[in-house]
Amino acid sequence: MSSRILGPLRAGVDGEPVDLGGGRARLVLAALLLDADRPVPVGRLVDVVWGDRPPASARAEVGVAVSGLRRGFRGAGRRPATRPSTPPP
């Protein structure tokens, strides 16, 4: 995995870009990258995304953002399956 946080946030797997989703997911990923190799409490991610005015659904929305990021990373670097074609008889 590669990531860039100076300038536009980007990430890739095996040279293929990862779809990072919207702004909320990007903020969550940036916070996770800044604390790489350390657990980041959900409360910290809520603070990063909403500051001192989080909605009641903030924890659930962080979960949705993380789920979307996981989906993006799982799908990155995979090539679509192709079927060999044979010429018509």
PDB file of N, CA and C in Angstrom:
ATOM      1  N   MET A   1       0.838  -1.169   0.000  1.00  0.00           N
ATOM      2  CA  MET A   1       0.000   0.000   0.000  1.00  0.00           C
ATOM      3  C   MET A   1       0.884   1.233   0.000  1.00  0.00           C
ATOM      4  N   SER A   2       0.479   2.216  -0.755  1.00  0.00           N
ATOM      5  CA  SER A   2       1.161   3.504  -0.734  1.00  0.00           C
ATOM      6  C   SER A   2       0.131   4.580  -0.432  1.00  0.00           C
ATOM      7  N   SER A   3       0.603   5.658   0.171  1.00  0.00           N
ATOM      8  CA  SER A   3      -0.307   6.766   0.461  1.00  0.00           C
ATOM      9  C   SER A   3       0.447   8.079   0.358  1.00  0.00           C
ATOM     10  N   ARG A   4      -0.313   9.127   0.057  1.00  0.00           N
ATOM     11  CA  ARG A   4       0.232  10.482   0.001  1.00  0.00           C
ATOM     12  C   ARG A   4      -0.715  11.383   0.765  1.00  0.00           C
ATOM     13  N   ILE A   5      -0.159  12.125   1.724  1.00  0.00           N
ATOM     14  CA  ILE A   5      -1.022  13.004   2.505  1.00  0.00           C
ATOM     15  C   ILE A   5      -0.679  14.475   2.313  1.00  0.00           C
ATOM     16  N   LEU A   6       0.430  14.785   1.660  1.00  0.00           N
ATOM     17  CA  LEU A   6       0.736  16.174   1.330  1.00  0.00           C
ATOM     18  C   LEU A   6       0.128  16.452  -0.030  1.00  0.00           C
ATOM     19  N   GLY A   7      -0.701  17.464  -0.110  1.00  0.00           N
ATOM     20  CA  GLY A   7      -1.482  17.676  -1.328  1.00  0.00           C
ATOM     21  C   GLY A   7      -2.739  16.843  -1.218  1.00  0.00           C
ATOM     22  N   PRO A   8      -3.343  16.499  -2.336  1.00  0.00           N
ATOM     23  CA  PRO A   8      -4.560  15.677  -2.277  1.00  0.00           C
ATOM     24  C   PRO A   8      -4.251  14.295  -1.695  1.00  0.00           C
ATOM     25  N   LEU A   9      -5.114  13.822  -0.814  1.00  0.00           N
ATOM     26  CA  LEU A   9      -4.938  12.498  -0.213  1.00  0.00           C
ATOM     27  C   LEU A   9      -5.158  11.435  -1.275  1.00  0.00           C
ATOM     28  N   ARG A  10      -4.178  10.552  -1.428  1.00  0.00           N
ATOM     29  CA  ARG A  10      -4.267   9.458  -2.393  1.00  0.00           C
ATOM     30  C   ARG A  10      -3.722   8.199  -1.751  1.00  0.00           C
ATOM     31  N   ALA A  11      -4.222   7.068  -2.207  1.00  0.00           N
ATOM     32  CA  ALA A  11      -3.716   5.775  -1.748  1.00  0.00           C
ATOM     33  C   ALA A  11      -3.794   4.806  -2.914  1.00  0.00           C
ATOM     34  N   GLY A  12      -2.923   3.804  -2.883  1.00  0.00           N
ATOM     35  CA  GLY A  12      -2.927   2.817  -3.949  1.00  0.00           C
ATOM     36  C   GLY A  12      -2.452   1.468  -3.448  1.00  0.00           C
ATOM     37  N   VAL A  13      -2.808   0.442  -4.193  1.00  0.00           N
ATOM     38  CA  VAL A  13      -2.377  -0.929  -3.915  1.00  0.00           C
ATOM     39  C   VAL A  13      -1.838  -1.492  -5.210  1.00  0.00           C
ATOM     40  N   ASP A  14      -0.598  -1.958  -5.190  1.00  0.00           N
ATOM     41  CA  ASP A  14       0.043  -2.521  -6.379  1.00  0.00           C
ATOM     42  C   ASP A  14      -0.059  -1.573  -7.571  1.00  0.00           C
ATOM     43  N   GLY A  15       0.108  -0.287  -7.313  1.00  0.00           N
ATOM     44  CA  GLY A  15       0.082   0.696  -8.384  1.00  0.00           C
ATOM     45  C   GLY A  15      -1.304   1.108  -8.844  1.00  0.00           C
ATOM     46  N   GLU A  16      -2.337   0.486  -8.303  1.00  0.00           N
ATOM     47  CA  GLU A  16      -3.716   0.825  -8.674  1.00  0.00           C
ATOM     48  C   GLU A  16      -4.295   1.776  -7.630  1.00  0.00           C
ATOM     49  N   PRO A  17      -4.919   2.873  -8.063  1.00  0.00           N
ATOM     50  CA  PRO A  17      -5.494   3.807  -7.090  1.00  0.00           C
ATOM     51  C   PRO A  17      -6.679   3.197  -6.347  1.00  0.00           C
ATOM     52  N   VAL A  18      -6.839   3.626  -5.119  1.00  0.00           N
ATOM     53  CA  VAL A  18      -7.946   3.189  -4.273  1.00  0.00           C
ATOM     54  C   VAL A  18      -9.009   4.281  -4.287  1.00  0.00           C
ATOM     55  N   ASP A  19     -10.275   3.889  -4.450  1.00  0.00           N
ATOM     56  CA  ASP A  19     -11.379   4.840  -4.346  1.00  0.00           C
ATOM     57  C   ASP A  19     -11.575   5.139  -2.864  1.00  0.00           C
ATOM     58  N   LEU A  20     -11.226   6.349  -2.457  1.00  0.00           N
ATOM     59  CA  LEU A  20     -11.281   6.710  -1.046  1.00  0.00           C
ATOM     60  C   LEU A  20     -12.639   7.240  -0.608  1.00  0.00           C
ATOM     61  N   GLY A  21     -13.555   7.384  -1.522  1.00  0.00           N
ATOM     62  CA  GLY A  21     -14.874   7.875  -1.153  1.00  0.00           C
ATOM     63  C   GLY A  21     -14.874   9.372  -0.925  1.00  0.00           C
ATOM     64  N   GLY A  22     -15.809   9.827  -0.114  1.00  0.00           N
ATOM     65  CA  GLY A  22     -16.010  11.253   0.111  1.00  0.00           C
ATOM     66  C   GLY A  22     -15.124  11.836   1.194  1.00  0.00           C
ATOM     67  N   GLY A  23     -15.421  13.070   1.544  1.00  0.00           N
ATOM     68  CA  GLY A  23     -14.609  13.819   2.489  1.00  0.00           C
ATOM     69  C   GLY A  23     -14.491  13.190   3.857  1.00  0.00           C
ATOM     70  N   ARG A  24     -15.582  12.644   4.367  1.00  0.00           N
ATOM     71  CA  ARG A  24     -15.563  12.039   5.697  1.00  0.00           C
ATOM     72  C   ARG A  24     -14.602  10.853   5.730  1.00  0.00           C
ATOM     73  N   ALA A  25     -14.688   9.980   4.736  1.00  0.00           N
ATOM     74  CA  ALA A  25     -13.803   8.809   4.678  1.00  0.00           C
ATOM     75  C   ALA A  25     -12.350   9.249   4.518  1.00  0.00           C
ATOM     76  N   ARG A  26     -12.119  10.292   3.754  1.00  0.00           N
ATOM     77  CA  ARG A  26     -10.757  10.798   3.565  1.00  0.00           C
ATOM     78  C   ARG A  26     -10.179  11.342   4.872  1.00  0.00           C
ATOM     79  N   LEU A  27     -11.001  12.033   5.645  1.00  0.00           N
ATOM     80  CA  LEU A  27     -10.540  12.524   6.946  1.00  0.00           C
ATOM     81  C   LEU A  27     -10.208  11.367   7.879  1.00  0.00           C
ATOM     82  N   VAL A  28     -11.042  10.348   7.885  1.00  0.00           N
ATOM     83  CA  VAL A  28     -10.788   9.170   8.721  1.00  0.00           C
ATOM     84  C   VAL A  28      -9.477   8.513   8.300  1.00  0.00           C
ATOM     85  N   LEU A  29      -9.277   8.319   6.997  1.00  0.00           N
ATOM     86  CA  LEU A  29      -8.041   7.693   6.527  1.00  0.00           C
ATOM     87  C   LEU A  29      -6.827   8.544   6.879  1.00  0.00           C
ATOM     88  N   ALA A  30      -6.914   9.852   6.697  1.00  0.00           N
ATOM     89  CA  ALA A  30      -5.787  10.727   7.032  1.00  0.00           C
ATOM     90  C   ALA A  30      -5.426  10.594   8.510  1.00  0.00           C
ATOM     91  N   ALA A  31      -6.429  10.554   9.379  1.00  0.00           N
ATOM     92  CA  ALA A  31      -6.168  10.395  10.812  1.00  0.00           C
ATOM     93  C   ALA A  31      -5.513   9.050  11.099  1.00  0.00           C
ATOM     94  N   LEU A  32      -5.970   8.001  10.430  1.00  0.00           N
ATOM     95  CA  LEU A  32      -5.374   6.674  10.629  1.00  0.00           C
ATOM     96  C   LEU A  32      -3.935   6.639  10.126  1.00  0.00           C
ATOM     97  N   LEU A  33      -3.666   7.286   8.999  1.00  0.00           N
ATOM     98  CA  LEU A  33      -2.308   7.300   8.450  1.00  0.00           C
ATOM     99  C   LEU A  33      -1.349   8.075   9.348  1.00  0.00           C
ATOM    100  N   LEU A  34      -1.828   9.148   9.947  1.00  0.00           N
ATOM    101  CA  LEU A  34      -0.971   9.941  10.832  1.00  0.00           C
ATOM    102  C   LEU A  34      -0.601   9.179  12.099  1.00  0.00           C
ATOM    103  N   ASP A  35      -1.423   8.216  12.486  1.00  0.00           N
ATOM    104  CA  ASP A  35      -1.135   7.371  13.648  1.00  0.00           C
ATOM    105  C   ASP A  35      -0.887   5.931  13.211  1.00  0.00           C
ATOM    106  N   ALA A  36      -0.208   5.762  12.093  1.00  0.00           N
ATOM    107  CA  ALA A  36       0.032   4.424  11.533  1.00  0.00           C
ATOM    108  C   ALA A  36       0.663   3.506  12.575  1.00  0.00           C
ATOM    109  N   ASP A  37       0.255   2.251  12.537  1.00  0.00           N
ATOM    110  CA  ASP A  37       0.764   1.200  13.427  1.00  0.00           C
ATOM    111  C   ASP A  37       0.358   1.388  14.888  1.00  0.00           C
ATOM    112  N   ARG A  38      -0.623   2.252  15.127  1.00  0.00           N
ATOM    113  CA  ARG A  38      -1.150   2.435  16.478  1.00  0.00           C
ATOM    114  C   ARG A  38      -2.671   2.431  16.403  1.00  0.00           C
ATOM    115  N   PRO A  39      -3.321   1.878  17.401  1.00  0.00           N
ATOM    116  CA  PRO A  39      -4.788   1.929  17.400  1.00  0.00           C
ATOM    117  C   PRO A  39      -5.261   3.374  17.566  1.00  0.00           C
ATOM    118  N   VAL A  40      -6.308   3.717  16.838  1.00  0.00           N
ATOM    119  CA  VAL A  40      -6.892   5.057  16.935  1.00  0.00           C
ATOM    120  C   VAL A  40      -8.317   4.888  17.462  1.00  0.00           C
ATOM    121  N   PRO A  41      -8.598   5.422  18.635  1.00  0.00           N
ATOM    122  CA  PRO A  41      -9.947   5.278  19.189  1.00  0.00           C
ATOM    123  C   PRO A  41     -10.995   5.959  18.304  1.00  0.00           C
ATOM    124  N   VAL A  42     -12.179   5.397  18.291  1.00  0.00           N
ATOM    125  CA  VAL A  42     -13.269   5.966  17.498  1.00  0.00           C
ATOM    126  C   VAL A  42     -13.526   7.410  17.924  1.00  0.00           C
ATOM    127  N   GLY A  43     -13.420   7.680  19.203  1.00  0.00           N
ATOM    128  CA  GLY A  43     -13.624   9.047  19.686  1.00  0.00           C
ATOM    129  C   GLY A  43     -12.673  10.039  19.044  1.00  0.00           C
ATOM    130  N   ARG A  44     -11.447   9.621  18.817  1.00  0.00           N
ATOM    131  CA  ARG A  44     -10.465  10.495  18.146  1.00  0.00           C
ATOM    132  C   ARG A  44     -10.892  10.750  16.708  1.00  0.00           C
ATOM    133  N   LEU A  45     -11.364   9.703  16.018  1.00  0.00           N
ATOM    134  CA  LEU A  45     -11.820   9.871  14.635  1.00  0.00           C
ATOM    135  C   LEU A  45     -13.037  10.789  14.578  1.00  0.00           C
ATOM    136  N   VAL A  46     -13.922  10.664  15.552  1.00  0.00           N
ATOM    137  CA  VAL A  46     -15.087  11.560  15.627  1.00  0.00           C
ATOM    138  C   VAL A  46     -14.607  13.004  15.779  1.00  0.00           C
ATOM    139  N   ASP A  47     -13.619  13.230  16.643  1.00  0.00           N
ATOM    140  CA  ASP A  47     -13.075  14.583  16.827  1.00  0.00           C
ATOM    141  C   ASP A  47     -12.470  15.133  15.543  1.00  0.00           C
ATOM    142  N   VAL A  48     -11.743  14.290  14.817  1.00  0.00           N
ATOM    143  CA  VAL A  48     -11.112  14.731  13.570  1.00  0.00           C
ATOM    144  C   VAL A  48     -12.165  15.148  12.551  1.00  0.00           C
ATOM    145  N   VAL A  49     -13.222  14.369  12.441  1.00  0.00           N
ATOM    146  CA  VAL A  49     -14.232  14.629  11.409  1.00  0.00           C
ATOM    147  C   VAL A  49     -15.160  15.780  11.796  1.00  0.00           C
ATOM    148  N   TRP A  50     -15.619  15.831  13.046  1.00  0.00           N
ATOM    149  CA  TRP A  50     -16.648  16.811  13.417  1.00  0.00           C
ATOM    150  C   TRP A  50     -16.202  17.844  14.436  1.00  0.00           C
ATOM    151  N   GLY A  51     -15.021  17.693  15.012  1.00  0.00           N
ATOM    152  CA  GLY A  51     -14.607  18.640  16.041  1.00  0.00           C
ATOM    153  C   GLY A  51     -15.469  18.512  17.283  1.00  0.00           C
ATOM    154  N   ASP A  52     -15.825  19.652  17.870  1.00  0.00           N
ATOM    155  CA  ASP A  52     -16.564  19.619  19.135  1.00  0.00           C
ATOM    156  C   ASP A  52     -18.083  19.597  18.963  1.00  0.00           C
ATOM    157  N   ARG A  53     -18.575  19.397  17.722  1.00  0.00           N
ATOM    158  CA  ARG A  53     -20.026  19.351  17.498  1.00  0.00           C
ATOM    159  C   ARG A  53     -20.429  18.116  16.693  1.00  0.00           C
ATOM    160  N   PRO A  54     -20.119  16.917  17.187  1.00  0.00           N
ATOM    161  CA  PRO A  54     -20.490  15.715  16.430  1.00  0.00           C
ATOM    162  C   PRO A  54     -21.987  15.438  16.520  1.00  0.00           C
ATOM    163  N   PRO A  55     -22.556  14.879  15.458  1.00  0.00           N
ATOM    164  CA  PRO A  55     -23.959  14.477  15.535  1.00  0.00           C
ATOM    165  C   PRO A  55     -24.089  13.223  16.402  1.00  0.00           C
ATOM    166  N   ALA A  56     -25.299  12.920  16.799  1.00  0.00           N
ATOM    167  CA  ALA A  56     -25.543  11.720  17.610  1.00  0.00           C
ATOM    168  C   ALA A  56     -25.118  10.454  16.875  1.00  0.00           C
ATOM    169  N   SER A  57     -25.145  10.491  15.559  1.00  0.00           N
ATOM    170  CA  SER A  57     -24.808   9.316  14.744  1.00  0.00           C
ATOM    171  C   SER A  57     -23.324   9.237  14.381  1.00  0.00           C
ATOM    172  N   ALA A  58     -22.478  10.067  14.993  1.00  0.00           N
ATOM    173  CA  ALA A  58     -21.074  10.168  14.585  1.00  0.00           C
ATOM    174  C   ALA A  58     -20.337   8.829  14.620  1.00  0.00           C
ATOM    175  N   ARG A  59     -20.481   8.070  15.686  1.00  0.00           N
ATOM    176  CA  ARG A  59     -19.765   6.787  15.787  1.00  0.00           C
ATOM    177  C   ARG A  59     -20.189   5.839  14.671  1.00  0.00           C
ATOM    178  N   ALA A  60     -21.470   5.787  14.402  1.00  0.00           N
ATOM    179  CA  ALA A  60     -21.961   4.924  13.320  1.00  0.00           C
ATOM    180  C   ALA A  60     -21.439   5.411  11.972  1.00  0.00           C
ATOM    181  N   GLU A  61     -21.382   6.718  11.776  1.00  0.00           N
ATOM    182  CA  GLU A  61     -20.902   7.259  10.505  1.00  0.00           C
ATOM    183  C   GLU A  61     -19.411   7.001  10.307  1.00  0.00           C
ATOM    184  N   VAL A  62     -18.638   7.010  11.392  1.00  0.00           N
ATOM    185  CA  VAL A  62     -17.225   6.627  11.290  1.00  0.00           C
ATOM    186  C   VAL A  62     -17.136   5.165  10.861  1.00  0.00           C
ATOM    187  N   GLY A  63     -17.985   4.317  11.415  1.00  0.00           N
ATOM    188  CA  GLY A  63     -18.013   2.908  11.013  1.00  0.00           C
ATOM    189  C   GLY A  63     -18.328   2.741   9.541  1.00  0.00           C
ATOM    190  N   VAL A  64     -19.265   3.527   9.038  1.00  0.00           N
ATOM    191  CA  VAL A  64     -19.610   3.480   7.612  1.00  0.00           C
ATOM    192  C   VAL A  64     -18.410   3.920   6.772  1.00  0.00           C
ATOM    193  N   ALA A  65     -17.715   4.970   7.208  1.00  0.00           N
ATOM    194  CA  ALA A  65     -16.542   5.449   6.470  1.00  0.00           C
ATOM    195  C   ALA A  65     -15.447   4.382   6.434  1.00  0.00           C
ATOM    196  N   VAL A  66     -15.193   3.741   7.571  1.00  0.00           N
ATOM    197  CA  VAL A  66     -14.168   2.688   7.633  1.00  0.00           C
ATOM    198  C   VAL A  66     -14.564   1.513   6.749  1.00  0.00           C
ATOM    199  N   SER A  67     -15.827   1.147   6.765  1.00  0.00           N
ATOM    200  CA  SER A  67     -16.306   0.054   5.916  1.00  0.00           C
ATOM    201  C   SER A  67     -16.087   0.377   4.438  1.00  0.00           C
ATOM    202  N   GLY A  68     -16.387   1.603   4.041  1.00  0.00           N
ATOM    203  CA  GLY A  68     -16.170   2.012   2.657  1.00  0.00           C
ATOM    204  C   GLY A  68     -14.697   1.987   2.276  1.00  0.00           C
ATOM    205  N   LEU A  69     -13.834   2.409   3.192  1.00  0.00           N
ATOM    206  CA  LEU A  69     -12.393   2.363   2.922  1.00  0.00           C
ATOM    207  C   LEU A  69     -11.918   0.917   2.766  1.00  0.00           C
ATOM    208  N   ARG A  70     -12.389   0.044   3.632  1.00  0.00           N
ATOM    209  CA  ARG A  70     -12.012  -1.377   3.514  1.00  0.00           C
ATOM    210  C   ARG A  70     -12.426  -1.929   2.159  1.00  0.00           C
ATOM    211  N   ARG A  71     -13.636  -1.591   1.742  1.00  0.00           N
ATOM    212  CA  ARG A  71     -14.133  -2.048   0.440  1.00  0.00           C
ATOM    213  C   ARG A  71     -13.240  -1.518  -0.686  1.00  0.00           C
ATOM    214  N   GLY A  72     -12.865  -0.256  -0.603  1.00  0.00           N
ATOM    215  CA  GLY A  72     -12.000   0.336  -1.617  1.00  0.00           C
ATOM    216  C   GLY A  72     -10.642  -0.338  -1.680  1.00  0.00           C
ATOM    217  N   PHE A  73     -10.057  -0.625  -0.517  1.00  0.00           N
ATOM    218  CA  PHE A  73      -8.746  -1.276  -0.499  1.00  0.00           C
ATOM    219  C   PHE A  73      -8.838  -2.726  -0.954  1.00  0.00           C
ATOM    220  N   ARG A  74      -9.922  -3.415  -0.592  1.00  0.00           N
ATOM    221  CA  ARG A  74     -10.088  -4.805  -1.051  1.00  0.00           C
ATOM    222  C   ARG A  74     -10.174  -4.865  -2.565  1.00  0.00           C
ATOM    223  N   GLY A  75     -10.860  -3.907  -3.167  1.00  0.00           N
ATOM    224  CA  GLY A  75     -11.061  -3.930  -4.610  1.00  0.00           C
ATOM    225  C   GLY A  75      -9.876  -3.413  -5.404  1.00  0.00           C
ATOM    226  N   ALA A  76      -8.966  -2.699  -4.772  1.00  0.00           N
ATOM    227  CA  ALA A  76      -7.831  -2.114  -5.493  1.00  0.00           C
ATOM    228  C   ALA A  76      -6.838  -3.187  -5.903  1.00  0.00           C
ATOM    229  N   GLY A  77      -6.285  -3.022  -7.061  1.00  0.00           N
ATOM    230  CA  GLY A  77      -5.273  -3.943  -7.545  1.00  0.00           C
ATOM    231  C   GLY A  77      -5.826  -5.196  -8.169  1.00  0.00           C
ATOM    232  N   ARG A  78      -7.119  -5.373  -8.111  1.00  0.00           N
ATOM    233  CA  ARG A  78      -7.729  -6.552  -8.738  1.00  0.00           C
ATOM    234  C   ARG A  78      -8.097  -6.215 -10.163  1.00  0.00           C
ATOM    235  N   ARG A  79      -7.726  -7.052 -11.031  1.00  0.00           N
ATOM    236  CA  ARG A  79      -8.091  -6.875 -12.437  1.00  0.00           C
ATOM    237  C   ARG A  79      -9.404  -7.616 -12.684  1.00  0.00           C
ATOM    238  N   PRO A  80     -10.273  -7.069 -13.516  1.00  0.00           N
ATOM    239  CA  PRO A  80     -11.510  -7.799 -13.818  1.00  0.00           C
ATOM    240  C   PRO A  80     -11.200  -9.125 -14.493  1.00  0.00           C
ATOM    241  N   ALA A  81     -11.980 -10.109 -14.150  1.00  0.00           N
ATOM    242  CA  ALA A  81     -11.796 -11.423 -14.773  1.00  0.00           C
ATOM    243  C   ALA A  81     -12.145 -11.326 -16.255  1.00  0.00           C
ATOM    244  N   THR A  82     -11.361 -11.975 -17.056  1.00  0.00           N
ATOM    245  CA  THR A  82     -11.637 -11.985 -18.495  1.00  0.00           C
ATOM    246  C   THR A  82     -11.789 -13.421 -18.949  1.00  0.00           C
ATOM    247  N   ARG A  83     -12.583 -13.594 -19.969  1.00  0.00           N
ATOM    248  CA  ARG A  83     -12.749 -14.923 -20.546  1.00  0.00           C
ATOM    249  C   ARG A  83     -11.978 -14.959 -21.854  1.00  0.00           C
ATOM    250  N   PRO A  84     -11.281 -16.045 -22.094  1.00  0.00           N
ATOM    251  CA  PRO A  84     -10.620 -16.139 -23.394  1.00  0.00           C
ATOM    252  C   PRO A  84     -11.671 -16.207 -24.494  1.00  0.00           C
ATOM    253  N   SER A  85     -11.410 -15.523 -25.557  1.00  0.00           N
ATOM    254  CA  SER A  85     -12.375 -15.570 -26.667  1.00  0.00           C
ATOM    255  C   SER A  85     -11.847 -16.497 -27.753  1.00  0.00           C
ATOM    256  N   THR A  86     -12.753 -17.154 -28.380  1.00  0.00           N
ATOM    257  CA  THR A  86     -12.380 -18.028 -29.499  1.00  0.00           C
ATOM    258  C   THR A  86     -13.090 -17.515 -30.743  1.00  0.00           C
ATOM    259  N   PRO A  87     -12.435 -17.613 -31.866  1.00  0.00           N
ATOM    260  CA  PRO A  87     -13.087 -17.137 -33.089  1.00  0.00           C
ATOM    261  C   PRO A  87     -14.297 -18.012 -33.421  1.00  0.00           C
ATOM    262  N   PRO A  88     -15.325 -17.428 -34.030  1.00  0.00           N
ATOM    263  CA  PRO A  88     -16.490 -18.238 -34.403  1.00  0.00           C
ATOM    264  C   PRO A  88     -16.091 -19.310 -35.410  1.00  0.00           C
ATOM    265  N   PRO A  89     -16.807 -20.458 -35.407  1.00  0.00           N
ATOM    266  CA  PRO A  89     -16.456 -21.555 -36.335  1.00  0.00           C
ATOM    267  C   PRO A  89     -16.695 -21.183 -37.780  1.00  0.00           C
TER     268      PRO A  89
END
